[in-house]
Amino acid sequence: MDKDNDILAKINGKSGMTVPDGYFAEFAKNMAMNLPERESQNIAPAPRSTWQQVRPYVYLAAMFMGIWCMLKMFTLMGTPDSATGIDNNPTLISALNDDSFVEELYADESIDSYSLLEDLYNEGFEASDFTQSVSYK
């Protein structure tokens, strides 16, 4: 095995990838000369539709709405529970102070009088508490 394994030594250190001298200096000029002449065409661009004109603004508005929703969610997740309670919400307080709203809220037709009496009895009310006379105006 006396063979010389150095391939570059066999080809005198040259890879064989060479170009003539000054080839790249004249390359652009030779390429322009070899290309065929191009006819100049005065083609007007197609008119843009309304959606193509409005689309960037719609995308921008959607992006800002997404950022706003993200910030709103971060704000809601970061506030303590006491800040979102009923004590800090004047709308809920005024609604619960209104008797007609509360009556409509708790008016459930699926509860019959037997179920109501049974629940009251289970809570500790006695039958004598129910026999008191009630006067309606």
N, C-alpha and C. Protein backbone atom coordinates (compact mmCIF):
# COMPACT_ATOMS: atom_id res chain seq x y z
N MET A 1 0.82 -1.18 0.00
CA MET A 1 0.00 0.00 0.00
C MET A 1 0.87 1.25 0.00
N ASP A 2 1.61 1.39 -1.02
CA ASP A 2 2.45 2.57 -1.16
C ASP A 2 1.75 3.67 -1.93
N LYS A 3 0.49 3.47 -2.21
CA LYS A 3 -0.23 4.49 -2.98
C LYS A 3 -0.33 5.77 -2.17
N ASP A 4 -0.25 6.84 -2.90
CA ASP A 4 -0.38 8.17 -2.27
C ASP A 4 -1.87 8.49 -2.14
N ASN A 5 -2.34 8.64 -0.91
CA ASN A 5 -3.76 8.90 -0.66
C ASN A 5 -4.11 10.38 -0.72
N ASP A 6 -3.17 11.25 -0.89
CA ASP A 6 -3.44 12.68 -0.95
C ASP A 6 -3.86 13.05 -2.37
N ILE A 7 -5.14 13.27 -2.56
CA ILE A 7 -5.68 13.55 -3.89
C ILE A 7 -5.21 14.91 -4.39
N LEU A 8 -5.12 15.91 -3.52
CA LEU A 8 -4.69 17.24 -3.95
C LEU A 8 -3.25 17.22 -4.46
N ALA A 9 -2.43 16.33 -3.92
CA ALA A 9 -1.05 16.23 -4.41
C ALA A 9 -1.02 15.69 -5.83
N LYS A 10 -1.98 14.84 -6.17
CA LYS A 10 -2.04 14.28 -7.52
C LYS A 10 -2.37 15.34 -8.56
N ILE A 11 -3.18 16.34 -8.19
CA ILE A 11 -3.58 17.37 -9.17
C ILE A 11 -2.87 18.69 -8.90
N ASN A 12 -1.78 18.64 -8.24
CA ASN A 12 -0.92 19.79 -7.97
C ASN A 12 -1.63 20.85 -7.10
N GLY A 13 -2.50 20.43 -6.19
CA GLY A 13 -3.13 21.35 -5.25
C GLY A 13 -4.23 22.21 -5.86
N LYS A 14 -4.61 21.97 -7.09
CA LYS A 14 -5.68 22.75 -7.71
C LYS A 14 -6.92 21.88 -7.82
N SER A 15 -8.05 22.49 -7.59
CA SER A 15 -9.30 21.72 -7.60
C SER A 15 -9.84 21.53 -9.01
N GLY A 16 -9.38 22.27 -9.96
CA GLY A 16 -9.87 22.15 -11.33
C GLY A 16 -11.02 23.08 -11.63
N MET A 17 -11.50 23.80 -10.65
CA MET A 17 -12.60 24.75 -10.85
C MET A 17 -12.01 26.13 -11.10
N THR A 18 -11.74 26.42 -12.33
CA THR A 18 -11.16 27.72 -12.68
C THR A 18 -11.94 28.35 -13.81
N VAL A 19 -11.84 29.63 -13.93
CA VAL A 19 -12.46 30.38 -15.02
C VAL A 19 -11.36 31.20 -15.70
N PRO A 20 -11.60 31.59 -16.92
CA PRO A 20 -10.58 32.40 -17.60
C PRO A 20 -10.38 33.73 -16.88
N ASP A 21 -9.22 34.31 -17.06
CA ASP A 21 -8.91 35.60 -16.44
C ASP A 21 -9.85 36.66 -16.98
N GLY A 22 -10.39 37.51 -16.06
CA GLY A 22 -11.28 38.62 -16.43
C GLY A 22 -12.69 38.18 -16.80
N TYR A 23 -13.04 36.93 -16.51
CA TYR A 23 -14.36 36.43 -16.88
C TYR A 23 -15.47 37.18 -16.15
N PHE A 24 -15.35 37.36 -14.87
CA PHE A 24 -16.41 38.02 -14.11
C PHE A 24 -16.43 39.52 -14.32
N ALA A 25 -15.35 40.09 -14.75
CA ALA A 25 -15.33 41.53 -15.02
C ALA A 25 -16.19 41.84 -16.24
N GLU A 26 -16.20 40.97 -17.22
CA GLU A 26 -16.98 41.19 -18.43
C GLU A 26 -18.31 40.44 -18.43
N PHE A 27 -18.62 39.75 -17.36
CA PHE A 27 -19.80 38.88 -17.32
C PHE A 27 -21.10 39.65 -17.52
N ALA A 28 -21.31 40.76 -16.80
CA ALA A 28 -22.56 41.51 -16.89
C ALA A 28 -22.76 42.06 -18.29
N LYS A 29 -21.66 42.58 -18.92
CA LYS A 29 -21.78 43.15 -20.27
C LYS A 29 -22.10 42.05 -21.28
N ASN A 30 -21.46 40.91 -21.17
CA ASN A 30 -21.72 39.80 -22.10
C ASN A 30 -23.13 39.25 -21.92
N MET A 31 -23.62 39.19 -20.69
CA MET A 31 -24.97 38.68 -20.45
C MET A 31 -26.00 39.62 -21.07
N ALA A 32 -25.83 40.93 -20.93
CA ALA A 32 -26.78 41.88 -21.50
C ALA A 32 -26.78 41.80 -23.02
N MET A 33 -25.64 41.54 -23.61
CA MET A 33 -25.57 41.44 -25.08
C MET A 33 -26.23 40.16 -25.58
N ASN A 34 -26.18 39.07 -24.81
CA ASN A 34 -26.74 37.79 -25.25
C ASN A 34 -28.25 37.68 -25.05
N LEU A 35 -28.83 38.54 -24.23
CA LEU A 35 -30.27 38.49 -24.00
C LEU A 35 -31.02 39.10 -25.18
N PRO A 36 -32.19 38.56 -25.54
CA PRO A 36 -32.96 39.14 -26.63
C PRO A 36 -33.58 40.47 -26.20
N GLU A 37 -33.88 41.29 -27.19
CA GLU A 37 -34.51 42.58 -26.90
C GLU A 37 -35.92 42.35 -26.37
N ARG A 38 -36.28 43.16 -25.41
CA ARG A 38 -37.60 43.03 -24.80
C ARG A 38 -38.45 44.20 -25.25
N GLU A 39 -39.65 43.87 -25.67
CA GLU A 39 -40.57 44.94 -26.07
C GLU A 39 -41.07 45.65 -24.84
N SER A 40 -41.09 46.97 -24.90
CA SER A 40 -41.61 47.71 -23.76
C SER A 40 -43.12 47.75 -23.89
N GLN A 41 -43.77 47.22 -22.90
CA GLN A 41 -45.23 47.18 -22.90
C GLN A 41 -45.73 48.12 -21.81
N ASN A 42 -46.62 48.97 -22.20
CA ASN A 42 -47.21 49.89 -21.24
C ASN A 42 -48.53 49.29 -20.74
N ILE A 43 -48.40 48.38 -19.82
CA ILE A 43 -49.59 47.72 -19.26
C ILE A 43 -49.93 48.42 -17.95
N ALA A 44 -51.15 48.90 -17.89
CA ALA A 44 -51.61 49.56 -16.67
C ALA A 44 -51.95 48.50 -15.64
N PRO A 45 -51.62 48.74 -14.38
CA PRO A 45 -51.97 47.74 -13.36
C PRO A 45 -53.49 47.63 -13.21
N ALA A 46 -53.94 46.45 -12.86
CA ALA A 46 -55.37 46.21 -12.69
C ALA A 46 -55.89 47.03 -11.52
N PRO A 47 -57.09 47.57 -11.61
CA PRO A 47 -57.62 48.35 -10.49
C PRO A 47 -57.84 47.44 -9.28
N ARG A 48 -57.59 47.99 -8.10
CA ARG A 48 -57.75 47.23 -6.87
C ARG A 48 -59.19 47.26 -6.42
N SER A 49 -59.65 46.14 -5.91
CA SER A 49 -61.03 46.08 -5.42
C SER A 49 -61.12 46.81 -4.07
N THR A 50 -62.34 47.01 -3.64
CA THR A 50 -62.56 47.70 -2.37
C THR A 50 -61.94 46.92 -1.21
N TRP A 51 -62.11 45.59 -1.24
CA TRP A 51 -61.54 44.77 -0.17
C TRP A 51 -60.01 44.88 -0.17
N GLN A 52 -59.39 44.90 -1.31
CA GLN A 52 -57.93 45.03 -1.36
C GLN A 52 -57.47 46.37 -0.81
N GLN A 53 -58.27 47.39 -0.94
CA GLN A 53 -57.90 48.69 -0.42
C GLN A 53 -58.13 48.78 1.09
N VAL A 54 -59.17 48.11 1.59
CA VAL A 54 -59.55 48.22 2.99
C VAL A 54 -58.86 47.17 3.86
N ARG A 55 -58.41 46.08 3.25
CA ARG A 55 -57.87 44.94 3.99
C ARG A 55 -56.76 45.31 4.99
N PRO A 56 -55.78 46.13 4.64
CA PRO A 56 -54.75 46.44 5.64
C PRO A 56 -55.31 47.12 6.88
N TYR A 57 -56.29 47.97 6.71
CA TYR A 57 -56.87 48.66 7.85
C TYR A 57 -57.70 47.72 8.71
N VAL A 58 -58.38 46.77 8.07
CA VAL A 58 -59.16 45.77 8.83
C VAL A 58 -58.21 44.90 9.63
N TYR A 59 -57.12 44.48 9.02
CA TYR A 59 -56.13 43.67 9.74
C TYR A 59 -55.52 44.45 10.90
N LEU A 60 -55.26 45.71 10.69
CA LEU A 60 -54.69 46.54 11.75
C LEU A 60 -55.68 46.69 12.91
N ALA A 61 -56.95 46.90 12.58
CA ALA A 61 -57.97 47.02 13.63
C ALA A 61 -58.11 45.70 14.39
N ALA A 62 -58.06 44.57 13.67
CA ALA A 62 -58.17 43.27 14.33
C ALA A 62 -56.98 43.04 15.26
N MET A 63 -55.81 43.48 14.84
CA MET A 63 -54.63 43.32 15.68
C MET A 63 -54.77 44.14 16.96
N PHE A 64 -55.23 45.38 16.85
CA PHE A 64 -55.40 46.20 18.04
C PHE A 64 -56.50 45.65 18.95
N MET A 65 -57.56 45.09 18.38
CA MET A 65 -58.60 44.49 19.20
C MET A 65 -58.06 43.27 19.94
N GLY A 66 -57.22 42.49 19.28
CA GLY A 66 -56.60 41.35 19.94
C GLY A 66 -55.72 41.77 21.10
N ILE A 67 -54.95 42.82 20.90
CA ILE A 67 -54.10 43.33 21.98
C ILE A 67 -54.95 43.85 23.12
N TRP A 68 -56.04 44.55 22.81
CA TRP A 68 -56.93 45.08 23.85
C TRP A 68 -57.55 43.93 24.65
N CYS A 69 -58.00 42.88 23.94
CA CYS A 69 -58.60 41.73 24.64
C CYS A 69 -57.58 41.04 25.54
N MET A 70 -56.34 40.92 25.06
CA MET A 70 -55.29 40.32 25.87
C MET A 70 -55.06 41.13 27.14
N LEU A 71 -54.93 42.43 26.99
CA LEU A 71 -54.70 43.29 28.16
C LEU A 71 -55.87 43.25 29.12
N LYS A 72 -57.10 43.20 28.58
CA LYS A 72 -58.28 43.12 29.43
C LYS A 72 -58.27 41.82 30.23
N MET A 73 -57.91 40.71 29.58
CA MET A 73 -57.86 39.43 30.28
C MET A 73 -56.78 39.44 31.36
N PHE A 74 -55.61 40.00 31.05
CA PHE A 74 -54.55 40.08 32.04
C PHE A 74 -54.98 40.94 33.23
N THR A 75 -55.72 42.02 32.95
CA THR A 75 -56.19 42.88 34.03
C THR A 75 -57.21 42.15 34.90
N LEU A 76 -58.13 41.42 34.27
CA LEU A 76 -59.14 40.69 35.04
C LEU A 76 -58.52 39.57 35.84
N MET A 77 -57.51 38.92 35.29
CA MET A 77 -56.87 37.82 36.02
C MET A 77 -55.99 38.34 37.14
N GLY A 78 -55.50 39.57 37.02
CA GLY A 78 -54.58 40.10 38.02
C GLY A 78 -55.25 40.79 39.19
N THR A 79 -56.53 41.13 39.08
CA THR A 79 -57.20 41.83 40.17
C THR A 79 -57.61 40.84 41.25
N PRO A 80 -57.57 41.25 42.51
CA PRO A 80 -58.01 40.36 43.58
C PRO A 80 -59.51 40.14 43.52
N ASP A 81 -59.98 39.07 44.15
CA ASP A 81 -61.40 38.72 44.10
C ASP A 81 -62.29 39.77 44.76
N SER A 82 -61.79 40.48 45.73
CA SER A 82 -62.62 41.47 46.42
C SER A 82 -62.98 42.64 45.50
N ALA A 83 -62.14 42.92 44.52
CA ALA A 83 -62.42 44.04 43.62
C ALA A 83 -63.56 43.71 42.66
N THR A 84 -63.79 42.44 42.42
CA THR A 84 -64.86 42.06 41.50
C THR A 84 -66.11 41.62 42.25
N GLY A 85 -66.16 41.82 43.55
CA GLY A 85 -67.31 41.40 44.35
C GLY A 85 -68.50 42.32 44.17
N ILE A 86 -69.59 41.95 44.83
CA ILE A 86 -70.83 42.71 44.71
C ILE A 86 -70.74 44.07 45.38
N ASP A 87 -69.86 44.19 46.38
CA ASP A 87 -69.75 45.46 47.11
C ASP A 87 -69.21 46.59 46.24
N ASN A 88 -68.45 46.25 45.24
CA ASN A 88 -67.84 47.27 44.38
C ASN A 88 -68.60 47.48 43.07
N ASN A 89 -69.76 46.86 42.94
CA ASN A 89 -70.52 46.98 41.69
C ASN A 89 -71.84 47.70 41.97
N PRO A 90 -71.93 48.99 41.66
CA PRO A 90 -73.16 49.73 41.98
C PRO A 90 -74.37 49.25 41.19
N THR A 91 -74.17 48.70 40.01
CA THR A 91 -75.31 48.21 39.21
C THR A 91 -75.97 47.02 39.90
N LEU A 92 -75.16 46.09 40.39
CA LEU A 92 -75.73 44.94 41.10
C LEU A 92 -76.39 45.35 42.40
N ILE A 93 -75.79 46.29 43.09
CA ILE A 93 -76.38 46.74 44.36
C ILE A 93 -77.74 47.38 44.12
N SER A 94 -77.85 48.23 43.11
CA SER A 94 -79.14 48.88 42.83
C SER A 94 -80.17 47.86 42.36
N ALA A 95 -79.73 46.83 41.62
CA ALA A 95 -80.67 45.81 41.16
C ALA A 95 -81.18 44.98 42.33
N LEU A 96 -80.32 44.64 43.25
CA LEU A 96 -80.75 43.83 44.40
C LEU A 96 -81.58 44.63 45.39
N ASN A 97 -81.45 45.95 45.39
CA ASN A 97 -82.28 46.79 46.24
C ASN A 97 -83.68 46.95 45.68
N ASP A 98 -83.88 46.65 44.41
CA ASP A 98 -85.18 46.75 43.76
C ASP A 98 -85.96 45.46 44.04
N ASP A 99 -87.08 45.56 44.78
CA ASP A 99 -87.84 44.38 45.18
C ASP A 99 -88.42 43.63 43.99
N SER A 100 -88.87 44.35 42.97
CA SER A 100 -89.47 43.66 41.83
C SER A 100 -88.43 42.83 41.08
N PHE A 101 -87.19 43.32 41.02
CA PHE A 101 -86.13 42.55 40.36
C PHE A 101 -85.84 41.27 41.13
N VAL A 102 -85.78 41.38 42.44
CA VAL A 102 -85.48 40.21 43.26
C VAL A 102 -86.61 39.19 43.16
N GLU A 103 -87.85 39.65 43.15
CA GLU A 103 -88.98 38.73 43.03
C GLU A 103 -88.94 38.00 41.69
N GLU A 104 -88.63 38.71 40.62
CA GLU A 104 -88.55 38.06 39.31
C GLU A 104 -87.36 37.12 39.22
N LEU A 105 -86.28 37.48 39.91
CA LEU A 105 -85.08 36.65 39.89
C LEU A 105 -85.32 35.32 40.57
N TYR A 106 -86.01 35.36 41.70
CA TYR A 106 -86.21 34.14 42.46
C TYR A 106 -87.55 33.48 42.19
N ALA A 107 -88.35 34.02 41.30
CA ALA A 107 -89.63 33.39 40.99
C ALA A 107 -89.37 32.18 40.10
N ASP A 108 -89.51 31.02 40.70
CA ASP A 108 -89.26 29.78 39.97
C ASP A 108 -90.53 28.96 40.00
N GLU A 109 -91.10 28.67 38.87
CA GLU A 109 -92.37 27.98 38.80
C GLU A 109 -92.23 26.49 39.05
N SER A 110 -90.99 25.98 39.05
CA SER A 110 -90.81 24.55 39.25
C SER A 110 -90.89 24.16 40.72
N ILE A 111 -90.91 25.12 41.63
CA ILE A 111 -91.01 24.82 43.05
C ILE A 111 -92.49 24.86 43.44
N ASP A 112 -92.99 23.73 43.95
CA ASP A 112 -94.37 23.72 44.41
C ASP A 112 -94.39 23.92 45.93
N SER A 113 -95.58 24.10 46.47
CA SER A 113 -95.69 24.43 47.89
C SER A 113 -95.24 23.28 48.77
N TYR A 114 -95.46 22.05 48.35
CA TYR A 114 -95.03 20.90 49.15
C TYR A 114 -93.50 20.87 49.29
N SER A 115 -92.79 21.11 48.20
CA SER A 115 -91.32 21.11 48.25
C SER A 115 -90.83 22.25 49.14
N LEU A 116 -91.48 23.40 49.06
CA LEU A 116 -91.09 24.54 49.88
C LEU A 116 -91.29 24.25 51.36
N LEU A 117 -92.46 23.69 51.72
CA LEU A 117 -92.71 23.33 53.12
C LEU A 117 -91.75 22.26 53.62
N GLU A 118 -91.44 21.29 52.77
CA GLU A 118 -90.50 20.23 53.15
C GLU A 118 -89.10 20.80 53.40
N ASP A 119 -88.67 21.72 52.54
CA ASP A 119 -87.36 22.34 52.73
C ASP A 119 -87.32 23.16 54.02
N LEU A 120 -88.39 23.89 54.31
CA LEU A 120 -88.45 24.69 55.54
C LEU A 120 -88.45 23.79 56.77
N TYR A 121 -89.17 22.69 56.71
CA TYR A 121 -89.20 21.76 57.84
C TYR A 121 -87.81 21.16 58.06
N ASN A 122 -87.11 20.83 56.99
CA ASN A 122 -85.76 20.28 57.10
C ASN A 122 -84.78 21.31 57.67
N GLU A 123 -85.07 22.59 57.49
CA GLU A 123 -84.20 23.64 58.01
C GLU A 123 -84.45 23.91 59.49
N GLY A 124 -85.54 23.35 60.05
CA GLY A 124 -85.77 23.51 61.48
C GLY A 124 -87.02 24.30 61.84
N PHE A 125 -87.81 24.69 60.87
CA PHE A 125 -89.06 25.40 61.18
C PHE A 125 -90.09 24.39 61.68
N GLU A 126 -90.93 24.84 62.60
CA GLU A 126 -91.99 23.99 63.16
C GLU A 126 -93.31 24.30 62.47
N ALA A 127 -94.26 23.39 62.58
CA ALA A 127 -95.57 23.55 61.96
C ALA A 127 -96.32 24.73 62.56
N SER A 128 -96.06 25.02 63.82
CA SER A 128 -96.75 26.14 64.47
C SER A 128 -96.32 27.48 63.85
N ASP A 129 -95.13 27.52 63.26
CA ASP A 129 -94.67 28.75 62.61
C ASP A 129 -95.47 29.04 61.34
N PHE A 130 -96.04 27.98 60.75
CA PHE A 130 -96.77 28.15 59.49
C PHE A 130 -98.25 28.47 59.69
N THR A 131 -98.76 28.26 60.88
CA THR A 131 -100.19 28.45 61.11
C THR A 131 -100.57 29.86 61.50
N GLN A 132 -99.61 30.76 61.58
CA GLN A 132 -99.92 32.13 61.91
C GLN A 132 -100.72 32.76 60.75
N SER A 133 -101.64 33.62 61.11
CA SER A 133 -102.48 34.24 60.09
C SER A 133 -101.67 35.31 59.34
N VAL A 134 -101.88 35.34 58.06
CA VAL A 134 -101.20 36.31 57.21
C VAL A 134 -102.28 37.18 56.60
N SER A 135 -102.11 38.47 56.68
CA SER A 135 -103.10 39.36 56.08
C SER A 135 -102.48 40.00 54.83
N TYR A 136 -103.23 39.96 53.77
CA TYR A 136 -102.79 40.57 52.50
C TYR A 136 -103.51 41.87 52.31
N LYS A 137 -102.86 42.84 51.81
CA LYS A 137 -103.49 44.14 51.57
C LYS A 137 -104.15 44.18 50.23
